C-alpha cells in the first residue's frame, strides 16, 4: 500500500528517533528495486505497485538527516533485489559522509524528481541532484526508458524520452 507507506515510513523514523532519544539520528535507506518497467511498458495504464512504492519512499526525504540510495541501473529485469551490492554500499557510504561529516560529494544523492513543465507538445521533467547532467546506463544502453505520460483523458502512453542536462524531455505521438 504505497499511500500508507508514504505516511507510515516517516512515522516509523520519527518514532525510533523519539524512543532512542536521538532526534538527529541519521537514516539512510535503499530504494526498493523497481524491475517493473517491462510490464508497465506493455500496458502503461496498468497500475504498477512497485513503482508507486518506490515513489512513496521519497516521503521520508522530507525529514532531516535522511537519504535514499537509488537502485536505478543496478537491477536486472525480473529480479526483486539488486545483485550489485558494492555500488549500493558505496552510495550509502557517500550519503553518510555528506550527512554526518559535512563532506562535499557532488551528486551523492540519486537524481530525484524536482518539477514538471509543459512546453507545447513536450513535458520537461527536471531532476535535482543531477549536477553534470543525467546519464542513461542500463540493459538498453543509453536509451531512456520507463516513462509514461497521460493526456487530458487520463490515458497513459509510453513516452519517448530524451535527456537534456538535468531534465528528461518526454513526448508521445498519441498525446
Protein backbone atom coordinates (compact mmCIF):
# COMPACT_ATOMS: atom_id res chain seq x y z
CA UNK A 1 0.00 0.00 0.00
CA UNK A 2 2.02 2.92 -1.33
CA UNK A 3 -0.28 5.59 0.12
CA UNK A 4 0.01 4.07 3.58
CA UNK A 5 3.74 3.55 3.25
CA UNK A 6 4.34 7.23 2.46
CA UNK A 7 2.87 8.05 5.89
CA UNK A 8 4.00 5.02 7.90
CA UNK A 9 7.69 5.04 6.97
CA UNK A 10 8.35 8.66 8.06
CA UNK A 11 6.27 7.99 11.21
CA UNK A 12 8.47 4.96 11.94
CA UNK A 13 11.63 7.07 11.64
CA UNK A 14 10.18 9.75 13.96
CA UNK A 15 9.13 7.02 16.43
CA UNK A 16 12.57 5.41 16.52
CA UNK A 17 14.28 8.78 16.93
CA UNK A 18 11.96 9.65 19.81
CA UNK A 19 12.22 6.27 21.57
CA UNK A 20 16.00 6.20 21.18
CA UNK A 21 16.12 9.81 22.42
CA UNK A 22 18.20 10.74 19.36
CA UNK A 23 16.24 13.31 17.38
CA UNK A 24 19.20 13.81 14.99
CA UNK A 25 19.76 10.12 14.26
CA UNK A 26 20.63 9.69 10.58
CA UNK A 27 18.51 7.32 8.50
CA UNK A 28 19.89 6.00 5.24
CA UNK A 29 17.81 3.55 3.27
CA UNK A 30 17.88 1.78 -0.06
CA UNK A 31 15.24 2.31 -2.73
CA UNK A 32 13.18 -0.74 -3.50
CA UNK A 33 14.34 -2.22 -6.77
CA UNK A 34 11.82 -1.39 -9.46
CA UNK A 35 12.08 -4.08 -12.09
CA UNK A 36 8.57 -3.48 -13.37
CA UNK A 37 9.30 -1.36 -16.43
CA UNK A 38 8.67 -4.27 -18.79
CA UNK A 39 5.12 -4.81 -17.57
CA UNK A 40 4.48 -1.06 -17.38
CA UNK A 41 5.66 -0.59 -20.95
CA UNK A 42 3.40 -3.38 -22.16
CA UNK A 43 0.34 -1.73 -20.56
CA UNK A 44 1.03 1.83 -19.42
CA UNK A 45 -2.47 2.14 -17.93
CA UNK A 46 -1.89 -0.78 -15.57
CA UNK A 47 -1.09 0.39 -12.02
CA UNK A 48 2.40 -0.61 -11.01
CA UNK A 49 2.57 -1.13 -7.26
CA UNK A 50 6.37 -1.42 -7.16
CA UNK A 51 6.81 1.94 -8.91
CA UNK A 52 4.25 3.50 -6.59
CA UNK A 53 6.04 2.08 -3.55
CA UNK A 54 9.40 3.37 -4.80
CA UNK A 55 7.82 6.78 -5.15
CA UNK A 56 6.28 6.55 -1.67
CA UNK A 57 9.76 6.04 -0.23
CA UNK A 58 10.51 9.65 -1.18
CA UNK A 59 8.19 10.90 1.59
CA UNK A 60 10.82 10.18 4.25
CA UNK A 61 13.26 12.50 2.49
CA UNK A 62 11.25 15.42 3.89
CA UNK A 63 12.65 14.51 7.31
CA UNK A 64 16.05 15.95 8.25
CA UNK A 65 19.13 13.75 8.10
CA UNK A 66 17.66 11.15 5.75
CA UNK A 67 18.88 9.90 2.40
CA UNK A 68 17.62 7.30 -0.01
CA UNK A 69 20.13 5.43 -2.15
CA UNK A 70 18.80 4.83 -5.63
CA UNK A 71 18.97 1.45 -7.29
CA UNK A 72 18.15 2.56 -10.81
CA UNK A 73 20.64 0.93 -13.14
CA UNK A 74 21.55 -1.68 -10.54
CA UNK A 75 18.69 -4.08 -11.14
CA UNK A 76 18.15 -6.80 -13.67
CA UNK A 77 14.68 -7.38 -15.11
CA UNK A 78 12.68 -9.92 -13.13
CA UNK A 79 14.92 -9.91 -10.05
CA UNK A 80 13.44 -8.40 -6.88
CA UNK A 81 16.76 -7.41 -5.29
CA UNK A 82 19.84 -5.96 -6.87
CA UNK A 83 22.74 -8.36 -7.03
CA UNK A 84 25.09 -5.37 -7.27
CA UNK A 85 25.71 -4.80 -3.54
CA UNK A 86 29.01 -2.90 -3.69
CA UNK A 87 27.68 0.13 -5.65
CA UNK A 88 24.76 0.32 -3.22
CA UNK A 89 27.15 0.19 -0.27
CA UNK A 90 29.32 2.88 -1.87
CA UNK A 91 26.27 5.10 -2.33
CA UNK A 92 25.27 4.59 1.32
CA UNK A 93 28.80 5.47 2.44
CA UNK A 94 28.77 8.68 0.40
CA UNK A 95 25.42 9.70 1.89
CA UNK A 96 26.78 9.07 5.39
CA UNK A 97 29.89 11.14 4.69
CA UNK A 98 27.79 14.08 3.48
CA UNK A 99 25.07 13.98 6.15
CA UNK A 100 27.18 13.04 9.18
CA UNK A 101 30.52 14.64 8.38
CA UNK A 102 29.67 17.51 6.03
CA UNK A 103 31.84 16.19 3.20
CA UNK A 104 31.35 17.86 -0.17
CA UNK A 105 30.50 15.00 -2.52
CA UNK A 106 28.65 16.20 -5.62
CA UNK A 107 25.72 14.01 -6.65
CA UNK A 108 25.93 11.86 -3.53
CA UNK A 109 22.15 11.54 -3.75
CA UNK A 110 20.40 9.88 -6.62
CA UNK A 111 18.63 12.15 -9.10
CA UNK A 112 15.21 12.99 -7.71
CA UNK A 113 12.22 14.48 -9.49
CA UNK A 114 12.04 18.24 -8.93
CA UNK A 115 9.46 19.78 -11.27
CA UNK A 116 7.43 19.31 -14.42
CA UNK A 117 6.87 21.92 -17.12
CA UNK A 118 4.67 21.77 -20.21
CA UNK A 119 6.25 23.24 -23.33
CA UNK A 120 3.93 22.79 -26.32
CA UNK A 121 3.73 19.06 -27.02
CA UNK A 122 6.58 18.26 -24.60
CA UNK A 123 6.74 17.59 -20.90
CA UNK A 124 10.03 18.56 -19.30
CA UNK A 125 10.79 16.66 -16.11
CA UNK A 126 13.58 18.37 -14.17
CA UNK A 127 15.64 16.50 -11.59
CA UNK A 128 17.66 17.70 -8.62
CA UNK A 129 20.95 16.02 -7.66
CA UNK A 130 21.88 15.84 -11.34
CA UNK A 131 24.88 18.17 -11.40
CA UNK A 132 26.79 17.49 -14.57
CA UNK A 133 23.68 16.10 -16.23
CA UNK A 134 21.72 12.89 -16.22
CA UNK A 135 23.17 9.78 -17.83
CA UNK A 136 21.32 6.69 -19.01
CA UNK A 137 23.03 3.37 -18.40
CA UNK A 138 21.40 0.01 -18.35
CA UNK A 139 20.22 -3.01 -20.29
CA UNK A 140 19.06 -0.70 -23.12
CA UNK A 141 22.40 1.11 -23.36
CA UNK A 142 21.92 4.87 -23.36
CA UNK A 143 18.25 4.68 -24.40
CA UNK A 144 15.99 6.31 -21.81
CA UNK A 145 13.02 4.07 -20.96
CA UNK A 146 10.43 3.63 -18.25
CA UNK A 147 8.47 6.88 -18.63
CA UNK A 148 4.77 7.10 -19.30
CA UNK A 149 2.67 10.24 -19.77
CA UNK A 150 -1.05 10.94 -19.94
CA UNK A 151 -3.14 13.41 -21.85
CA UNK A 152 -6.25 15.22 -20.62
CA UNK A 153 -8.24 11.98 -20.96
CA UNK A 154 -6.09 10.36 -18.25
CA UNK A 155 -4.98 7.51 -20.52
CA UNK A 156 -1.29 6.77 -20.32
CA UNK A 157 1.10 6.05 -23.17
CA UNK A 158 4.73 5.03 -23.20
CA UNK A 159 6.75 8.21 -23.66
CA UNK A 160 9.68 8.86 -25.94
CA UNK A 161 12.32 10.25 -23.60
CA UNK A 162 15.48 12.22 -24.23
CA UNK A 163 17.97 13.54 -21.68
CA UNK A 164 18.79 17.24 -21.76
CA UNK A 165 21.30 18.03 -18.99
CA UNK A 166 19.33 17.76 -15.69
CA UNK A 167 15.99 17.17 -17.40
CA UNK A 168 14.18 14.50 -19.37
CA UNK A 169 12.08 15.67 -22.30
CA UNK A 170 9.01 13.48 -22.78
CA UNK A 171 6.82 13.23 -25.86
CA UNK A 172 4.34 10.82 -27.37
CA UNK A 173 2.79 10.81 -30.84
CA UNK A 174 -0.52 9.69 -29.29
CA UNK A 175 -0.77 12.51 -26.74
